[in-house]
PDB file of all heavy atoms in Angstrom:
ATOM      1  N   HIS A   1      28.871 -44.660  -8.906  1.00  0.00           N
ATOM      2  CA  HIS A   1      29.943 -45.373  -9.611  1.00  0.00           C
ATOM      3  C   HIS A   1      31.279 -44.634  -9.482  1.00  0.00           C
ATOM      4  O   HIS A   1      32.324 -45.271  -9.424  1.00  0.00           O
ATOM      5  CB  HIS A   1      29.561 -45.595 -11.076  1.00  0.00           C
ATOM      6  CG  HIS A   1      28.472 -46.610 -11.226  1.00  0.00           C
ATOM      7  ND1 HIS A   1      28.681 -47.964 -11.126  1.00  0.00           N
ATOM      8  CD2 HIS A   1      27.142 -46.455 -11.415  1.00  0.00           C
ATOM      9  CE1 HIS A   1      27.536 -48.605 -11.267  1.00  0.00           C
ATOM     10  NE2 HIS A   1      26.582 -47.703 -11.441  1.00  0.00           N
ATOM     11  N   ALA A   2      31.238 -43.322  -9.429  1.00  0.00           N
ATOM     12  CA  ALA A   2      32.462 -42.542  -9.238  1.00  0.00           C
ATOM     13  C   ALA A   2      33.065 -42.847  -7.864  1.00  0.00           C
ATOM     14  O   ALA A   2      34.285 -42.988  -7.733  1.00  0.00           O
ATOM     15  CB  ALA A   2      32.179 -41.052  -9.381  1.00  0.00           C
ATOM     16  N   GLN A   3      32.218 -42.963  -6.845  1.00  0.00           N
ATOM     17  CA  GLN A   3      32.712 -43.312  -5.512  1.00  0.00           C
ATOM     18  C   GLN A   3      33.373 -44.689  -5.535  1.00  0.00           C
ATOM     19  O   GLN A   3      34.439 -44.881  -4.955  1.00  0.00           O
ATOM     20  CB  GLN A   3      31.577 -43.301  -4.493  1.00  0.00           C
ATOM     21  CG  GLN A   3      31.076 -41.925  -4.164  1.00  0.00           C
ATOM     22  CD  GLN A   3      29.944 -41.967  -3.163  1.00  0.00           C
ATOM     23  OE1 GLN A   3      29.027 -42.784  -3.263  1.00  0.00           O
ATOM     24  NE2 GLN A   3      30.012 -41.087  -2.190  1.00  0.00           N
ATOM     25  N   LYS A   4      32.761 -45.626  -6.215  1.00  0.00           N
ATOM     26  CA  LYS A   4      33.331 -46.977  -6.324  1.00  0.00           C
ATOM     27  C   LYS A   4      34.657 -46.937  -7.080  1.00  0.00           C
ATOM     28  O   LYS A   4      35.599 -47.660  -6.731  1.00  0.00           O
ATOM     29  CB  LYS A   4      32.356 -47.922  -7.018  1.00  0.00           C
ATOM     30  CG  LYS A   4      31.156 -48.259  -6.169  1.00  0.00           C
ATOM     31  CD  LYS A   4      30.203 -49.168  -6.926  1.00  0.00           C
ATOM     32  CE  LYS A   4      28.964 -49.465  -6.105  1.00  0.00           C
ATOM     33  NZ  LYS A   4      28.063 -50.400  -6.796  1.00  0.00           N
ATOM     34  N   PHE A   5      34.739 -46.099  -8.102  1.00  0.00           N
ATOM     35  CA  PHE A   5      35.966 -45.985  -8.879  1.00  0.00           C
ATOM     36  C   PHE A   5      37.104 -45.431  -8.022  1.00  0.00           C
ATOM     37  O   PHE A   5      38.233 -45.922  -8.080  1.00  0.00           O
ATOM     38  CB  PHE A   5      35.721 -45.104 -10.108  1.00  0.00           C
ATOM     39  CG  PHE A   5      36.857 -45.039 -11.081  1.00  0.00           C
ATOM     40  CD1 PHE A   5      37.373 -46.185 -11.668  1.00  0.00           C
ATOM     41  CD2 PHE A   5      37.414 -43.817 -11.435  1.00  0.00           C
ATOM     42  CE1 PHE A   5      38.421 -46.123 -12.584  1.00  0.00           C
ATOM     43  CE2 PHE A   5      38.455 -43.741 -12.349  1.00  0.00           C
ATOM     44  CZ  PHE A   5      38.959 -44.896 -12.920  1.00  0.00           C
ATOM     45  N   VAL A   6      36.814 -44.450  -7.200  1.00  0.00           N
ATOM     46  CA  VAL A   6      37.835 -43.910  -6.291  1.00  0.00           C
ATOM     47  C   VAL A   6      38.209 -44.965  -5.255  1.00  0.00           C
ATOM     48  O   VAL A   6      39.392 -45.138  -4.936  1.00  0.00           O
ATOM     49  CB  VAL A   6      37.361 -42.603  -5.616  1.00  0.00           C
ATOM     50  CG1 VAL A   6      38.353 -42.141  -4.560  1.00  0.00           C
ATOM     51  CG2 VAL A   6      37.152 -41.508  -6.662  1.00  0.00           C
ATOM     52  N   MET A   7      37.224 -45.696  -4.747  1.00  0.00           N
ATOM     53  CA  MET A   7      37.499 -46.777  -3.798  1.00  0.00           C
ATOM     54  C   MET A   7      38.414 -47.822  -4.433  1.00  0.00           C
ATOM     55  O   MET A   7      39.372 -48.306  -3.815  1.00  0.00           O
ATOM     56  CB  MET A   7      36.182 -47.430  -3.394  1.00  0.00           C
ATOM     57  CG  MET A   7      36.061 -47.790  -1.946  1.00  0.00           C
ATOM     58  SD  MET A   7      34.472 -48.600  -1.576  1.00  0.00           S
ATOM     59  CE  MET A   7      33.284 -47.426  -2.219  1.00  0.00           C
ATOM     60  N   PHE A   8      38.115 -48.168  -5.678  1.00  0.00           N
ATOM     61  CA  PHE A   8      38.951 -49.111  -6.426  1.00  0.00           C
ATOM     62  C   PHE A   8      40.390 -48.589  -6.501  1.00  0.00           C
ATOM     63  O   PHE A   8      41.341 -49.315  -6.231  1.00  0.00           O
ATOM     64  CB  PHE A   8      38.379 -49.320  -7.836  1.00  0.00           C
ATOM     65  CG  PHE A   8      39.397 -49.778  -8.824  1.00  0.00           C
ATOM     66  CD1 PHE A   8      39.858 -51.082  -8.807  1.00  0.00           C
ATOM     67  CD2 PHE A   8      39.938 -48.899  -9.746  1.00  0.00           C
ATOM     68  CE1 PHE A   8      40.841 -51.503  -9.693  1.00  0.00           C
ATOM     69  CE2 PHE A   8      40.905 -49.305 -10.638  1.00  0.00           C
ATOM     70  CZ  PHE A   8      41.353 -50.609 -10.614  1.00  0.00           C
ATOM     71  N   TYR A   9      40.534 -47.321  -6.856  1.00  0.00           N
ATOM     72  CA  TYR A   9      41.868 -46.734  -6.964  1.00  0.00           C
ATOM     73  C   TYR A   9      42.601 -46.766  -5.619  1.00  0.00           C
ATOM     74  O   TYR A   9      43.779 -47.122  -5.574  1.00  0.00           O
ATOM     75  CB  TYR A   9      41.796 -45.301  -7.485  1.00  0.00           C
ATOM     76  CG  TYR A   9      43.154 -44.653  -7.532  1.00  0.00           C
ATOM     77  CD1 TYR A   9      44.043 -44.943  -8.560  1.00  0.00           C
ATOM     78  CD2 TYR A   9      43.575 -43.799  -6.520  1.00  0.00           C
ATOM     79  CE1 TYR A   9      45.310 -44.376  -8.594  1.00  0.00           C
ATOM     80  CE2 TYR A   9      44.840 -43.228  -6.545  1.00  0.00           C
ATOM     81  CZ  TYR A   9      45.698 -43.526  -7.580  1.00  0.00           C
ATOM     82  OH  TYR A   9      46.960 -42.979  -7.601  1.00  0.00           O
ATOM     83  N   GLU A  10      41.929 -46.434  -4.535  1.00  0.00           N
ATOM     84  CA  GLU A  10      42.544 -46.471  -3.194  1.00  0.00           C
ATOM     85  C   GLU A  10      43.113 -47.864  -2.908  1.00  0.00           C
ATOM     86  O   GLU A  10      44.242 -47.999  -2.440  1.00  0.00           O
ATOM     87  CB  GLU A  10      41.499 -46.196  -2.108  1.00  0.00           C
ATOM     88  CG  GLU A  10      41.158 -44.788  -1.834  1.00  0.00           C
ATOM     89  CD  GLU A  10      40.131 -44.684  -0.703  1.00  0.00           C
ATOM     90  OE1 GLU A  10      40.071 -45.566   0.181  1.00  0.00           O
ATOM     91  OE2 GLU A  10      39.379 -43.698  -0.713  1.00  0.00           O
ATOM     92  N   ARG A  11      42.300 -48.861  -3.182  1.00  0.00           N
ATOM     93  CA  ARG A  11      42.714 -50.247  -2.889  1.00  0.00           C
ATOM     94  C   ARG A  11      43.850 -50.685  -3.797  1.00  0.00           C
ATOM     95  O   ARG A  11      44.776 -51.359  -3.357  1.00  0.00           O
ATOM     96  CB  ARG A  11      41.512 -51.176  -3.003  1.00  0.00           C
ATOM     97  CG  ARG A  11      40.497 -50.880  -1.917  1.00  0.00           C
ATOM     98  CD  ARG A  11      39.249 -51.682  -2.054  1.00  0.00           C
ATOM     99  NE  ARG A  11      38.286 -51.283  -1.036  1.00  0.00           N
ATOM    100  CZ  ARG A  11      37.070 -51.779  -0.957  1.00  0.00           C
ATOM    101  NH1 ARG A  11      36.657 -52.691  -1.815  1.00  0.00           N
ATOM    102  NH2 ARG A  11      36.251 -51.361  -0.015  1.00  0.00           N
ATOM    103  N   LEU A  12      43.782 -50.316  -5.063  1.00  0.00           N
ATOM    104  CA  LEU A  12      44.853 -50.659  -5.994  1.00  0.00           C
ATOM    105  C   LEU A  12      46.147 -49.955  -5.597  1.00  0.00           C
ATOM    106  O   LEU A  12      47.224 -50.555  -5.628  1.00  0.00           O
ATOM    107  CB  LEU A  12      44.456 -50.295  -7.425  1.00  0.00           C
ATOM    108  CG  LEU A  12      45.467 -50.620  -8.515  1.00  0.00           C
ATOM    109  CD1 LEU A  12      45.764 -52.120  -8.568  1.00  0.00           C
ATOM    110  CD2 LEU A  12      44.955 -50.133  -9.870  1.00  0.00           C
ATOM    111  N   PHE A  13      46.060 -48.701  -5.225  1.00  0.00           N
ATOM    112  CA  PHE A  13      47.225 -47.928  -4.798  1.00  0.00           C
ATOM    113  C   PHE A  13      47.887 -48.608  -3.600  1.00  0.00           C
ATOM    114  O   PHE A  13      49.113 -48.776  -3.565  1.00  0.00           O
ATOM    115  CB  PHE A  13      46.814 -46.494  -4.438  1.00  0.00           C
ATOM    116  CG  PHE A  13      47.975 -45.592  -4.126  1.00  0.00           C
ATOM    117  CD1 PHE A  13      48.587 -44.863  -5.124  1.00  0.00           C
ATOM    118  CD2 PHE A  13      48.465 -45.480  -2.830  1.00  0.00           C
ATOM    119  CE1 PHE A  13      49.671 -44.032  -4.847  1.00  0.00           C
ATOM    120  CE2 PHE A  13      49.536 -44.654  -2.532  1.00  0.00           C
ATOM    121  CZ  PHE A  13      50.143 -43.932  -3.545  1.00  0.00           C
ATOM    122  N   THR A  14      47.084 -49.031  -2.644  1.00  0.00           N
ATOM    123  CA  THR A  14      47.614 -49.716  -1.458  1.00  0.00           C
ATOM    124  C   THR A  14      48.233 -51.046  -1.839  1.00  0.00           C
ATOM    125  O   THR A  14      49.346 -51.364  -1.403  1.00  0.00           O
ATOM    126  CB  THR A  14      46.495 -49.916  -0.417  1.00  0.00           C
ATOM    127  OG1 THR A  14      45.989 -48.632  -0.039  1.00  0.00           O
ATOM    128  CG2 THR A  14      46.999 -50.655   0.804  1.00  0.00           C
ATOM    129  N   LYS A  15      47.542 -51.827  -2.648  1.00  0.00           N
ATOM    130  CA  LYS A  15      48.039 -53.157  -3.061  1.00  0.00           C
ATOM    131  C   LYS A  15      49.400 -53.053  -3.742  1.00  0.00           C
ATOM    132  O   LYS A  15      50.274 -53.874  -3.514  1.00  0.00           O
ATOM    133  CB  LYS A  15      47.040 -53.830  -3.991  1.00  0.00           C
ATOM    134  CG  LYS A  15      47.491 -55.188  -4.499  1.00  0.00           C
ATOM    135  CD  LYS A  15      46.422 -55.822  -5.351  1.00  0.00           C
ATOM    136  CE  LYS A  15      46.781 -57.216  -5.780  1.00  0.00           C
ATOM    137  NZ  LYS A  15      47.016 -58.159  -4.704  1.00  0.00           N
ATOM    138  N   CYS A  16      49.566 -52.042  -4.568  1.00  0.00           N
ATOM    139  CA  CYS A  16      50.805 -51.899  -5.343  1.00  0.00           C
ATOM    140  C   CYS A  16      51.784 -50.904  -4.713  1.00  0.00           C
ATOM    141  O   CYS A  16      52.785 -50.545  -5.346  1.00  0.00           O
ATOM    142  CB  CYS A  16      50.471 -51.471  -6.767  1.00  0.00           C
ATOM    143  SG  CYS A  16      49.605 -52.736  -7.716  1.00  0.00           S
ATOM    144  N   ALA A  17      51.498 -50.474  -3.491  1.00  0.00           N
ATOM    145  CA  ALA A  17      52.362 -49.520  -2.776  1.00  0.00           C
ATOM    146  C   ALA A  17      52.669 -48.291  -3.642  1.00  0.00           C
ATOM    147  O   ALA A  17      53.780 -47.766  -3.619  1.00  0.00           O
ATOM    148  CB  ALA A  17      53.641 -50.198  -2.306  1.00  0.00           C
ATOM    149  N   GLY A  18      51.674 -47.868  -4.429  1.00  0.00           N
ATOM    150  CA  GLY A  18      51.827 -46.671  -5.243  1.00  0.00           C
ATOM    151  C   GLY A  18      52.695 -46.834  -6.470  1.00  0.00           C
ATOM    152  O   GLY A  18      52.950 -45.865  -7.188  1.00  0.00           O
ATOM    153  N   ASN A  19      53.123 -48.052  -6.783  1.00  0.00           N
ATOM    154  CA  ASN A  19      53.979 -48.301  -7.937  1.00  0.00           C
ATOM    155  C   ASN A  19      53.135 -48.248  -9.222  1.00  0.00           C
ATOM    156  O   ASN A  19      52.273 -49.093  -9.449  1.00  0.00           O
ATOM    157  CB  ASN A  19      54.657 -49.669  -7.793  1.00  0.00           C
ATOM    158  CG  ASN A  19      55.562 -50.004  -8.937  1.00  0.00           C
ATOM    159  OD1 ASN A  19      55.141 -50.048 -10.089  1.00  0.00           O
ATOM    160  ND2 ASN A  19      56.816 -50.252  -8.627  1.00  0.00           N
ATOM    161  N   GLU A  20      53.414 -47.239 -10.032  1.00  0.00           N
ATOM    162  CA  GLU A  20      52.630 -46.988 -11.236  1.00  0.00           C
ATOM    163  C   GLU A  20      52.603 -48.177 -12.195  1.00  0.00           C
ATOM    164  O   GLU A  20      51.549 -48.556 -12.699  1.00  0.00           O
ATOM    165  CB  GLU A  20      53.170 -45.757 -11.951  1.00  0.00           C
ATOM    166  CG  GLU A  20      52.394 -45.366 -13.169  1.00  0.00           C
ATOM    167  CD  GLU A  20      52.920 -44.102 -13.812  1.00  0.00           C
ATOM    168  OE1 GLU A  20      53.743 -43.392 -13.203  1.00  0.00           O
ATOM    169  OE2 GLU A  20      52.499 -43.814 -14.945  1.00  0.00           O
ATOM    170  N   SER A  21      53.741 -48.764 -12.456  1.00  0.00           N
ATOM    171  CA  SER A  21      53.764 -49.875 -13.420  1.00  0.00           C
ATOM    172  C   SER A  21      53.029 -51.086 -12.864  1.00  0.00           C
ATOM    173  O   SER A  21      52.336 -51.792 -13.604  1.00  0.00           O
ATOM    174  CB  SER A  21      55.188 -50.225 -13.832  1.00  0.00           C
ATOM    175  OG  SER A  21      55.958 -50.610 -12.724  1.00  0.00           O
ATOM    176  N   CYS A  22      53.133 -51.335 -11.569  1.00  0.00           N
ATOM    177  CA  CYS A  22      52.398 -52.429 -10.933  1.00  0.00           C
ATOM    178  C   CYS A  22      50.895 -52.207 -11.068  1.00  0.00           C
ATOM    179  O   CYS A  22      50.145 -53.120 -11.406  1.00  0.00           O
ATOM    180  CB  CYS A  22      52.791 -52.545  -9.462  1.00  0.00           C
ATOM    181  SG  CYS A  22      51.783 -53.694  -8.501  1.00  0.00           S
ATOM    182  N   MET A  23      50.462 -50.975 -10.826  1.00  0.00           N
ATOM    183  CA  MET A  23      49.044 -50.658 -10.899  1.00  0.00           C
ATOM    184  C   MET A  23      48.504 -50.840 -12.308  1.00  0.00           C
ATOM    185  O   MET A  23      47.445 -51.450 -12.509  1.00  0.00           O
ATOM    186  CB  MET A  23      48.810 -49.227 -10.399  1.00  0.00           C
ATOM    187  CG  MET A  23      49.101 -49.057  -8.918  1.00  0.00           C
ATOM    188  SD  MET A  23      49.105 -47.339  -8.375  1.00  0.00           S
ATOM    189  CE  MET A  23      47.363 -46.968  -8.401  1.00  0.00           C
ATOM    190  N   CYS A  24      49.217 -50.328 -13.284  1.00  0.00           N
ATOM    191  CA  CYS A  24      48.782 -50.445 -14.684  1.00  0.00           C
ATOM    192  C   CYS A  24      48.775 -51.896 -15.140  1.00  0.00           C
ATOM    193  O   CYS A  24      47.864 -52.335 -15.849  1.00  0.00           O
ATOM    194  CB  CYS A  24      49.649 -49.579 -15.587  1.00  0.00           C
ATOM    195  SG  CYS A  24      49.355 -47.815 -15.345  1.00  0.00           S
ATOM    196  N   HIS A  25      49.779 -52.653 -14.717  1.00  0.00           N
ATOM    197  CA  HIS A  25      49.855 -54.078 -15.074  1.00  0.00           C
ATOM    198  C   HIS A  25      48.687 -54.839 -14.441  1.00  0.00           C
ATOM    199  O   HIS A  25      48.002 -55.616 -15.122  1.00  0.00           O
ATOM    200  CB  HIS A  25      51.194 -54.671 -14.627  1.00  0.00           C
ATOM    201  CG  HIS A  25      51.309 -56.126 -14.884  1.00  0.00           C
ATOM    202  ND1 HIS A  25      51.491 -56.649 -16.140  1.00  0.00           N
ATOM    203  CD2 HIS A  25      51.254 -57.181 -14.037  1.00  0.00           C
ATOM    204  CE1 HIS A  25      51.540 -57.964 -16.060  1.00  0.00           C
ATOM    205  NE2 HIS A  25      51.391 -58.310 -14.796  1.00  0.00           N
ATOM    206  N   TRP A  26      48.451 -54.632 -13.155  1.00  0.00           N
ATOM    207  CA  TRP A  26      47.372 -55.329 -12.457  1.00  0.00           C
ATOM    208  C   TRP A  26      46.028 -55.044 -13.132  1.00  0.00           C
ATOM    209  O   TRP A  26      45.210 -55.936 -13.317  1.00  0.00           O
ATOM    210  CB  TRP A  26      47.323 -54.897 -10.986  1.00  0.00           C
ATOM    211  CG  TRP A  26      46.373 -55.699 -10.169  1.00  0.00           C
ATOM    212  CD1 TRP A  26      46.655 -56.820  -9.433  1.00  0.00           C
ATOM    213  CD2 TRP A  26      44.961 -55.467 -10.002  1.00  0.00           C
ATOM    214  NE1 TRP A  26      45.507 -57.284  -8.842  1.00  0.00           N
ATOM    215  CE2 TRP A  26      44.451 -56.477  -9.175  1.00  0.00           C
ATOM    216  CE3 TRP A  26      44.086 -54.503 -10.492  1.00  0.00           C
ATOM    217  CZ2 TRP A  26      43.121 -56.550  -8.810  1.00  0.00           C
ATOM    218  CZ3 TRP A  26      42.740 -54.572 -10.137  1.00  0.00           C
ATOM    219  CH2 TRP A  26      42.269 -55.586  -9.298  1.00  0.00           C
ATOM    220  N   LEU A  27      45.833 -53.809 -13.518  1.00  0.00           N
ATOM    221  CA  LEU A  27      44.577 -53.387 -14.128  1.00  0.00           C
ATOM    222  C   LEU A  27      44.309 -54.095 -15.449  1.00  0.00           C
ATOM    223  O   LEU A  27      43.164 -54.374 -15.786  1.00  0.00           O
ATOM    224  CB  LEU A  27      44.626 -51.867 -14.348  1.00  0.00           C
ATOM    225  CG  LEU A  27      43.383 -51.162 -14.826  1.00  0.00           C
ATOM    226  CD1 LEU A  27      42.233 -51.327 -13.839  1.00  0.00           C
ATOM    227  CD2 LEU A  27      43.678 -49.690 -15.040  1.00  0.00           C
ATOM    228  N   ARG A  28      45.371 -54.410 -16.183  1.00  0.00           N
ATOM    229  CA  ARG A  28      45.221 -54.957 -17.533  1.00  0.00           C
ATOM    230  C   ARG A  28      45.511 -56.454 -17.655  1.00  0.00           C
ATOM    231  O   ARG A  28      45.353 -57.029 -18.723  1.00  0.00           O
ATOM    232  CB  ARG A  28      46.122 -54.172 -18.480  1.00  0.00           C
ATOM    233  CG  ARG A  28      45.607 -52.757 -18.681  1.00  0.00           C
ATOM    234  CD  ARG A  28      46.629 -51.828 -19.285  1.00  0.00           C
ATOM    235  NE  ARG A  28      46.065 -50.504 -19.540  1.00  0.00           N
ATOM    236  CZ  ARG A  28      45.946 -49.550 -18.620  1.00  0.00           C
ATOM    237  NH1 ARG A  28      46.383 -49.773 -17.386  1.00  0.00           N
ATOM    238  NH2 ARG A  28      45.411 -48.385 -18.925  1.00  0.00           N
ATOM    239  N   LYS A  29      45.919 -57.083 -16.562  1.00  0.00           N
ATOM    240  CA  LYS A  29      46.272 -58.506 -16.594  1.00  0.00           C
ATOM    241  C   LYS A  29      45.020 -59.371 -16.418  1.00  0.00           C
ATOM    242  O   LYS A  29      44.216 -59.146 -15.526  1.00  0.00           O
ATOM    243  CB  LYS A  29      47.275 -58.830 -15.493  1.00  0.00           C
ATOM    244  CG  LYS A  29      47.741 -60.255 -15.536  1.00  0.00           C
ATOM    245  CD  LYS A  29      48.754 -60.546 -14.467  1.00  0.00           C
ATOM    246  CE  LYS A  29      49.201 -61.994 -14.597  1.00  0.00           C
ATOM    247  NZ  LYS A  29      49.747 -62.498 -13.370  1.00  0.00           N
ATOM    248  N   HIS A  30      44.890 -60.368 -17.284  1.00  0.00           N
ATOM    249  CA  HIS A  30      43.756 -61.296 -17.209  1.00  0.00           C
ATOM    250  C   HIS A  30      43.771 -62.030 -15.871  1.00  0.00           C
ATOM    251  O   HIS A  30      44.814 -62.476 -15.406  1.00  0.00           O
ATOM    252  CB  HIS A  30      43.826 -62.318 -18.350  1.00  0.00           C
ATOM    253  CG  HIS A  30      42.689 -63.292 -18.323  1.00  0.00           C
ATOM    254  ND1 HIS A  30      41.484 -63.027 -18.913  1.00  0.00           N
ATOM    255  CD2 HIS A  30      42.576 -64.517 -17.750  1.00  0.00           C
ATOM    256  CE1 HIS A  30      40.667 -64.055 -18.719  1.00  0.00           C
ATOM    257  NE2 HIS A  30      41.318 -64.965 -18.017  1.00  0.00           N
ATOM    258  N   ARG A  31      42.605 -62.137 -15.272  1.00  0.00           N
ATOM    259  CA  ARG A  31      42.431 -62.881 -14.021  1.00  0.00           C
ATOM    260  C   ARG A  31      41.349 -63.931 -14.255  1.00  0.00           C
ATOM    261  O   ARG A  31      40.235 -63.589 -14.664  1.00  0.00           O
ATOM    262  CB  ARG A  31      42.017 -61.956 -12.888  1.00  0.00           C
ATOM    263  CG  ARG A  31      43.080 -60.947 -12.505  1.00  0.00           C
ATOM    264  CD  ARG A  31      42.608 -60.139 -11.320  1.00  0.00           C
ATOM    265  NE  ARG A  31      42.239 -60.994 -10.208  1.00  0.00           N
ATOM    266  CZ  ARG A  31      42.986 -61.161  -9.116  1.00  0.00           C
ATOM    267  NH1 ARG A  31      44.129 -60.525  -8.986  1.00  0.00           N
ATOM    268  NH2 ARG A  31      42.581 -61.961  -8.144  1.00  0.00           N
ATOM    269  N   GLU A  32      41.687 -65.145 -13.969  1.00  0.00           N
ATOM    270  CA  GLU A  32      40.739 -66.231 -14.184  1.00  0.00           C
ATOM    271  C   GLU A  32      39.523 -66.119 -13.252  1.00  0.00           C
ATOM    272  O   GLU A  32      38.404 -66.450 -13.653  1.00  0.00           O
ATOM    273  CB  GLU A  32      41.435 -67.583 -14.001  1.00  0.00           C
ATOM    274  CG  GLU A  32      40.665 -68.745 -14.554  1.00  0.00           C
ATOM    275  CD  GLU A  32      40.258 -68.596 -16.023  1.00  0.00           C
ATOM    276  OE1 GLU A  32      41.065 -68.129 -16.850  1.00  0.00           O
ATOM    277  OE2 GLU A  32      39.098 -68.937 -16.341  1.00  0.00           O
ATOM    278  N   ASP A  33      39.728 -65.610 -12.033  1.00  0.00           N
ATOM    279  CA  ASP A  33      38.626 -65.547 -11.068  1.00  0.00           C
ATOM    280  C   ASP A  33      37.496 -64.601 -11.491  1.00  0.00           C
ATOM    281  O   ASP A  33      36.351 -64.766 -11.070  1.00  0.00           O
ATOM    282  CB  ASP A  33      39.117 -65.200  -9.662  1.00  0.00           C
ATOM    283  CG  ASP A  33      40.051 -64.005  -9.604  1.00  0.00           C
ATOM    284  OD1 ASP A  33      40.366 -63.415 -10.648  1.00  0.00           O
ATOM    285  OD2 ASP A  33      40.475 -63.660  -8.490  1.00  0.00           O
ATOM    286  N   ILE A  34      37.782 -63.623 -12.334  1.00  0.00           N
ATOM    287  CA  ILE A  34      36.721 -62.747 -12.854  1.00  0.00           C
ATOM    288  C   ILE A  34      36.566 -62.883 -14.369  1.00  0.00           C
ATOM    289  O   ILE A  34      35.819 -62.139 -14.988  1.00  0.00           O
ATOM    290  CB  ILE A  34      36.947 -61.267 -12.460  1.00  0.00           C
ATOM    291  CG1 ILE A  34      38.290 -60.745 -12.969  1.00  0.00           C
ATOM    292  CG2 ILE A  34      36.765 -61.071 -10.961  1.00  0.00           C
ATOM    293  CD1 ILE A  34      38.474 -59.240 -12.822  1.00  0.00           C
ATOM    294  N   LYS A  35      37.298 -63.823 -14.927  1.00  0.00           N
ATOM    295  CA  LYS A  35      37.209 -64.132 -16.368  1.00  0.00           C
ATOM    296  C   LYS A  35      37.547 -62.938 -17.254  1.00  0.00           C
ATOM    297  O   LYS A  35      36.878 -62.661 -18.243  1.00  0.00           O
ATOM    298  CB  LYS A  35      35.825 -64.665 -16.732  1.00  0.00           C
ATOM    299  CG  LYS A  35      35.376 -65.861 -15.939  1.00  0.00           C
ATOM    300  CD  LYS A  35      36.133 -67.106 -16.307  1.00  0.00           C
ATOM    301  CE  LYS A  35      35.529 -68.322 -15.634  1.00  0.00           C
ATOM    302  NZ  LYS A  35      36.438 -68.990 -14.745  1.00  0.00           N
ATOM    303  N   GLY A  36      38.601 -62.216 -16.873  1.00  0.00           N
ATOM    304  CA  GLY A  36      39.026 -61.093 -17.696  1.00  0.00           C
ATOM    305  C   GLY A  36      39.973 -60.180 -16.947  1.00  0.00           C
ATOM    306  O   GLY A  36      40.266 -60.388 -15.768  1.00  0.00           O
ATOM    307  N   ALA A  37      40.443 -59.167 -17.629  1.00  0.00           N
ATOM    308  CA  ALA A  37      41.289 -58.150 -17.010  1.00  0.00           C
ATOM    309  C   ALA A  37      40.381 -57.177 -16.266  1.00  0.00           C
ATOM    310  O   ALA A  37      39.323 -56.795 -16.784  1.00  0.00           O
ATOM    311  CB  ALA A  37      42.098 -57.419 -18.076  1.00  0.00           C
ATOM    312  N   PRO A  38      40.764 -56.773 -15.052  1.00  0.00           N
ATOM    313  CA  PRO A  38      39.906 -55.873 -14.277  1.00  0.00           C
ATOM    314  C   PRO A  38      39.422 -54.637 -15.045  1.00  0.00           C
ATOM    315  O   PRO A  38      38.248 -54.274 -14.945  1.00  0.00           O
ATOM    316  CB  PRO A  38      40.791 -55.492 -13.078  1.00  0.00           C
ATOM    317  CG  PRO A  38      41.663 -56.700 -12.886  1.00  0.00           C
ATOM    318  CD  PRO A  38      41.951 -57.172 -14.293  1.00  0.00           C
ATOM    319  N   LEU A  39      40.286 -54.029 -15.821  1.00  0.00           N
ATOM    320  CA  LEU A  39      39.875 -52.845 -16.582  1.00  0.00           C
ATOM    321  C   LEU A  39      38.702 -53.173 -17.497  1.00  0.00           C
ATOM    322  O   LEU A  39      37.693 -52.468 -17.526  1.00  0.00           O
ATOM    323  CB  LEU A  39      41.039 -52.290 -17.409  1.00  0.00           C
ATOM    324  CG  LEU A  39      40.681 -51.138 -18.362  1.00  0.00           C
ATOM    325  CD1 LEU A  39      40.182 -49.921 -17.591  1.00  0.00           C
ATOM    326  CD2 LEU A  39      41.869 -50.773 -19.232  1.00  0.00           C
ATOM    327  N   TYR A  40      38.811 -54.258 -18.240  1.00  0.00           N
ATOM    328  CA  TYR A  40      37.783 -54.597 -19.217  1.00  0.00           C
ATOM    329  C   TYR A  40      36.530 -55.160 -18.552  1.00  0.00           C
ATOM    330  O   TYR A  40      35.437 -55.004 -19.078  1.00  0.00           O
ATOM    331  CB  TYR A  40      38.361 -55.511 -20.290  1.00  0.00           C
ATOM    332  CG  TYR A  40      39.539 -54.832 -20.935  1.00  0.00           C
ATOM    333  CD1 TYR A  40      40.824 -55.322 -20.786  1.00  0.00           C
ATOM    334  CD2 TYR A  40      39.369 -53.626 -21.619  1.00  0.00           C
ATOM    335  CE1 TYR A  40      41.914 -54.646 -21.323  1.00  0.00           C
ATOM    336  CE2 TYR A  40      40.446 -52.944 -22.155  1.00  0.00           C
ATOM    337  CZ  TYR A  40      41.722 -53.463 -22.009  1.00  0.00           C
ATOM    338  OH  TYR A  40      42.793 -52.785 -22.525  1.00  0.00           O
ATOM    339  N   VAL A  41      36.687 -55.765 -17.389  1.00  0.00           N
ATOM    340  CA  VAL A  41      35.524 -56.212 -16.631  1.00  0.00           C
ATOM    341  C   VAL A  41      34.713 -54.992 -16.177  1.00  0.00           C
ATOM    342  O   VAL A  41      33.487 -54.986 -16.246  1.00  0.00           O
ATOM    343  CB  VAL A  41      35.957 -57.093 -15.437  1.00  0.00           C
ATOM    344  CG1 VAL A  41      34.819 -57.325 -14.465  1.00  0.00           C
ATOM    345  CG2 VAL A  41      36.508 -58.429 -15.945  1.00  0.00           C
ATOM    346  N   MET A  42      35.413 -53.937 -15.745  1.00  0.00           N
ATOM    347  CA  MET A  42      34.725 -52.712 -15.324  1.00  0.00           C
ATOM    348  C   MET A  42      34.126 -51.965 -16.510  1.00  0.00           C
ATOM    349  O   MET A  42      33.010 -51.460 -16.429  1.00  0.00           O
ATOM    350  CB  MET A  42      35.691 -51.774 -14.583  1.00  0.00           C
ATOM    351  CG  MET A  42      36.115 -52.274 -13.233  1.00  0.00           C
ATOM    352  SD  MET A  42      37.049 -51.039 -12.270  1.00  0.00           S
ATOM    353  CE  MET A  42      38.515 -50.782 -13.269  1.00  0.00           C
ATOM    354  N   VAL A  43      34.871 -51.892 -17.606  1.00  0.00           N
ATOM    355  CA  VAL A  43      34.462 -51.091 -18.770  1.00  0.00           C
ATOM    356  C   VAL A  43      33.459 -51.823 -19.654  1.00  0.00           C
ATOM    357  O   VAL A  43      32.397 -51.287 -19.980  1.00  0.00           O
ATOM    358  CB  VAL A  43      35.697 -50.670 -19.600  1.00  0.00           C
ATOM    359  CG1 VAL A  43      35.285 -50.036 -20.917  1.00  0.00           C
ATOM    360  CG2 VAL A  43      36.580 -49.728 -18.797  1.00  0.00           C
TER     361      VAL A  43
END
């Protein structure tokens, strides 16, 4: 799971071009396709 978490971070970092606020927002924003915010879906 730690490997997957680092993989997740790599992909998020790339998606948001390293922009901290973009990354934090994406992590906490509700997404209909997974029925929740990515952070809470993982946690």
